[in-house]
């Protein structure tokens, strides 16, 4: 709890120092938190796929996401290539978690989740997260000079809030690696 209080104080200081637009709902926290939620749902995706013919890499599904993002980006005033770059980071982060969990479960079969979730119930949640992420990409904070520092703090807070282990913390770093545009 003390770590969370310290992180909150640091973030608050950065937001105040960066100016009012950074403290608005269009700041980096919501984008980072949504990315963290997407990292967390990778556990369910891994549990649904583990031991089945469904591969971790799903180029057809990934391309559907990239095409959808690229098509929707201009309507939000976003560069399609930037939006796809951001979503590529989300997908790579998700696959990092899946691979890590597969390795853990291969080494410790008793840890494999049971019962397994149905992937068809997880995908709509991912789609909702993707919609939120795409909307949050419109944040002007992404192009500010202070974006890298504020992103680092936001990711640190998300790590604490979501109680991530090392695997998920690393995936969050991957997921947020394409946040800043400047």
Protein backbone atom coordinates (compact mmCIF):
# COMPACT_ATOMS: atom_id res chain seq x y z
CA UNK A 1 0.00 0.00 0.00
CA UNK A 2 2.89 2.35 0.77
CA UNK A 3 4.32 1.81 -2.73
CA UNK A 4 0.97 2.70 -4.27
CA UNK A 5 0.81 5.90 -2.21
CA UNK A 6 4.32 6.88 -3.31
CA UNK A 7 3.52 6.16 -6.95
CA UNK A 8 0.31 8.17 -6.71
CA UNK A 9 2.22 11.12 -5.28
CA UNK A 10 4.81 10.91 -8.06
CA UNK A 11 2.15 10.69 -10.76
CA UNK A 12 0.19 13.55 -9.26
CA UNK A 13 3.33 15.67 -9.24
CA UNK A 14 4.11 14.84 -12.85
CA UNK A 15 0.56 15.60 -13.94
CA UNK A 16 0.53 18.96 -12.18
CA UNK A 17 3.97 19.83 -13.57
CA UNK A 18 2.97 18.82 -17.08
CA UNK A 19 -0.07 21.08 -17.13
CA UNK A 20 -3.84 20.78 -17.19
CA UNK A 21 -4.20 18.85 -20.44
CA UNK A 22 -2.10 16.04 -18.99
CA UNK A 23 -4.33 15.71 -15.94
CA UNK A 24 -7.45 15.42 -18.07
CA UNK A 25 -9.16 12.12 -18.83
CA UNK A 26 -7.22 12.13 -22.11
CA UNK A 27 -3.94 11.61 -20.21
CA UNK A 28 -1.93 8.41 -20.24
CA UNK A 29 -3.43 6.64 -17.22
CA UNK A 30 -6.57 5.33 -18.95
CA UNK A 31 -4.58 4.16 -21.99
CA UNK A 32 -2.06 2.41 -19.76
CA UNK A 33 -4.72 0.84 -17.56
CA UNK A 34 -6.55 -0.52 -20.61
CA UNK A 35 -3.25 -1.95 -21.90
CA UNK A 36 -2.75 -3.57 -18.48
CA UNK A 37 -6.24 -5.06 -18.63
CA UNK A 38 -5.42 -6.45 -22.05
CA UNK A 39 -2.20 -7.96 -20.66
CA UNK A 40 -4.17 -9.52 -17.81
CA UNK A 41 -6.72 -11.13 -20.11
CA UNK A 42 -3.88 -12.98 -21.84
CA UNK A 43 -4.09 -15.46 -18.96
CA UNK A 44 -7.59 -16.44 -20.04
CA UNK A 45 -6.54 -16.63 -23.69
CA UNK A 46 -3.63 -18.90 -22.74
CA UNK A 47 -5.89 -21.08 -20.57
CA UNK A 48 -8.40 -21.42 -23.41
CA UNK A 49 -5.72 -22.37 -25.98
CA UNK A 50 -3.32 -24.49 -23.91
CA UNK A 51 -3.29 -28.12 -24.97
CA UNK A 52 -5.55 -27.45 -27.96
CA UNK A 53 -4.74 -27.08 -31.64
CA UNK A 54 -5.25 -23.29 -31.32
CA UNK A 55 -1.80 -21.72 -31.75
CA UNK A 56 -0.48 -18.74 -29.82
CA UNK A 57 0.31 -17.02 -33.10
CA UNK A 58 -2.90 -16.41 -35.03
CA UNK A 59 -1.93 -14.32 -38.08
CA UNK A 60 -5.48 -14.26 -39.46
CA UNK A 61 -6.97 -12.91 -36.22
CA UNK A 62 -4.08 -10.46 -35.81
CA UNK A 63 -4.60 -9.15 -39.34
CA UNK A 64 -8.32 -8.66 -38.63
CA UNK A 65 -7.38 -6.47 -35.67
CA UNK A 66 -4.80 -4.49 -37.67
CA UNK A 67 -7.23 -3.97 -40.55
CA UNK A 68 -10.00 -2.86 -38.19
CA UNK A 69 -7.71 -0.45 -36.36
CA UNK A 70 -6.33 0.99 -39.60
CA UNK A 71 -9.85 1.49 -40.96
CA UNK A 72 -11.16 3.17 -37.79
CA UNK A 73 -8.09 5.34 -37.05
CA UNK A 74 -8.71 8.16 -39.58
CA UNK A 75 -12.20 8.74 -38.19
CA UNK A 76 -10.58 9.46 -34.82
CA UNK A 77 -7.92 11.70 -36.33
CA UNK A 78 -5.23 9.04 -35.90
CA UNK A 79 -2.53 7.93 -38.29
CA UNK A 80 -3.42 4.34 -39.26
CA UNK A 81 0.22 3.23 -39.22
CA UNK A 82 0.68 4.58 -35.68
CA UNK A 83 -2.49 2.86 -34.49
CA UNK A 84 -1.40 -0.44 -36.02
CA UNK A 85 2.06 -0.05 -34.43
CA UNK A 86 0.41 0.41 -31.03
CA UNK A 87 -1.84 -2.61 -31.50
CA UNK A 88 1.05 -4.73 -32.71
CA UNK A 89 2.64 -4.04 -29.31
CA UNK A 90 -0.58 -5.13 -27.58
CA UNK A 91 -0.66 -8.41 -29.48
CA UNK A 92 3.04 -9.10 -28.91
CA UNK A 93 2.55 -8.46 -25.18
CA UNK A 94 -0.37 -10.89 -25.14
CA UNK A 95 1.71 -13.56 -26.90
CA UNK A 96 4.57 -13.00 -24.44
CA UNK A 97 2.22 -13.82 -21.56
CA UNK A 98 0.80 -16.85 -23.37
CA UNK A 99 4.28 -18.25 -24.07
CA UNK A 100 5.34 -17.63 -20.49
CA UNK A 101 2.27 -19.35 -19.09
CA UNK A 102 2.66 -22.29 -21.48
CA UNK A 103 6.24 -22.76 -20.22
CA UNK A 104 5.06 -22.54 -16.60
CA UNK A 105 2.25 -25.04 -17.19
CA UNK A 106 4.54 -27.41 -19.09
CA UNK A 107 6.86 -27.38 -16.07
CA UNK A 108 4.03 -27.50 -13.51
CA UNK A 109 1.01 -29.27 -15.00
CA UNK A 110 -0.91 -28.99 -11.72
CA UNK A 111 -1.09 -25.21 -12.28
CA UNK A 112 -3.04 -25.46 -15.54
CA UNK A 113 -6.35 -23.65 -14.95
CA UNK A 114 -9.45 -25.78 -14.77
CA UNK A 115 -12.07 -25.39 -16.02
CA UNK A 116 -10.81 -23.62 -19.08
CA UNK A 117 -12.56 -20.54 -20.42
CA UNK A 118 -14.11 -20.52 -23.87
CA UNK A 119 -12.18 -18.32 -26.28
CA UNK A 120 -15.45 -17.17 -27.87
CA UNK A 121 -16.41 -15.47 -24.57
CA UNK A 122 -12.98 -13.82 -24.20
CA UNK A 123 -12.78 -12.27 -27.68
CA UNK A 124 -15.67 -9.81 -27.12
CA UNK A 125 -13.88 -8.56 -23.98
CA UNK A 126 -10.69 -8.09 -26.00
CA UNK A 127 -12.70 -6.29 -28.69
CA UNK A 128 -14.11 -3.89 -26.07
CA UNK A 129 -10.62 -3.27 -24.70
CA UNK A 130 -9.37 -2.65 -28.24
CA UNK A 131 -12.12 -0.08 -28.82
CA UNK A 132 -11.19 1.70 -25.59
CA UNK A 133 -7.50 1.61 -26.45
CA UNK A 134 -8.13 3.02 -29.91
CA UNK A 135 -10.18 5.86 -28.45
CA UNK A 136 -7.47 6.63 -25.88
CA UNK A 137 -4.83 6.82 -28.60
CA UNK A 138 -6.28 10.25 -29.41
CA UNK A 139 -4.70 11.64 -26.24
CA UNK A 140 -2.50 14.66 -26.95
CA UNK A 141 -0.32 13.47 -24.06
CA UNK A 142 1.14 10.82 -26.39
CA UNK A 143 3.02 13.48 -28.35
CA UNK A 144 4.19 15.60 -25.43
CA UNK A 145 7.87 15.82 -24.51
CA UNK A 146 7.06 14.43 -21.08
CA UNK A 147 5.29 11.36 -22.49
CA UNK A 148 8.11 8.84 -21.90
CA UNK A 149 8.51 9.81 -18.24
CA UNK A 150 4.77 9.95 -17.61
CA UNK A 151 4.29 6.63 -19.40
CA UNK A 152 6.92 5.01 -17.23
CA UNK A 153 5.14 6.22 -14.10
CA UNK A 154 1.71 5.21 -15.41
CA UNK A 155 3.03 1.72 -16.24
CA UNK A 156 4.55 1.45 -12.77
CA UNK A 157 1.23 2.36 -11.23
CA UNK A 158 -0.63 -0.12 -13.43
CA UNK A 159 1.84 -2.82 -12.45
CA UNK A 160 1.07 -2.20 -8.78
CA UNK A 161 -2.69 -1.78 -9.22
CA UNK A 162 -2.97 -5.00 -11.22
CA UNK A 163 -0.55 -6.92 -8.94
CA UNK A 164 1.53 -8.11 -11.88
CA UNK A 165 4.24 -10.71 -11.55
CA UNK A 166 7.49 -10.40 -13.53
CA UNK A 167 6.00 -11.98 -16.67
CA UNK A 168 3.03 -9.62 -16.76
CA UNK A 169 5.15 -6.58 -15.84
CA UNK A 170 7.42 -7.35 -18.81
CA UNK A 171 4.38 -7.77 -21.05
CA UNK A 172 3.09 -4.39 -19.89
CA UNK A 173 6.42 -2.85 -20.90
CA UNK A 174 5.97 -4.35 -24.35
CA UNK A 175 2.34 -3.23 -24.53
CA UNK A 176 3.20 0.37 -23.64
CA UNK A 177 6.37 0.57 -25.74
CA UNK A 178 4.46 2.25 -28.59
CA UNK A 179 2.53 4.72 -26.44
CA UNK A 180 4.55 7.85 -27.12
CA UNK A 181 4.71 9.30 -30.62
CA UNK A 182 7.16 12.15 -30.15
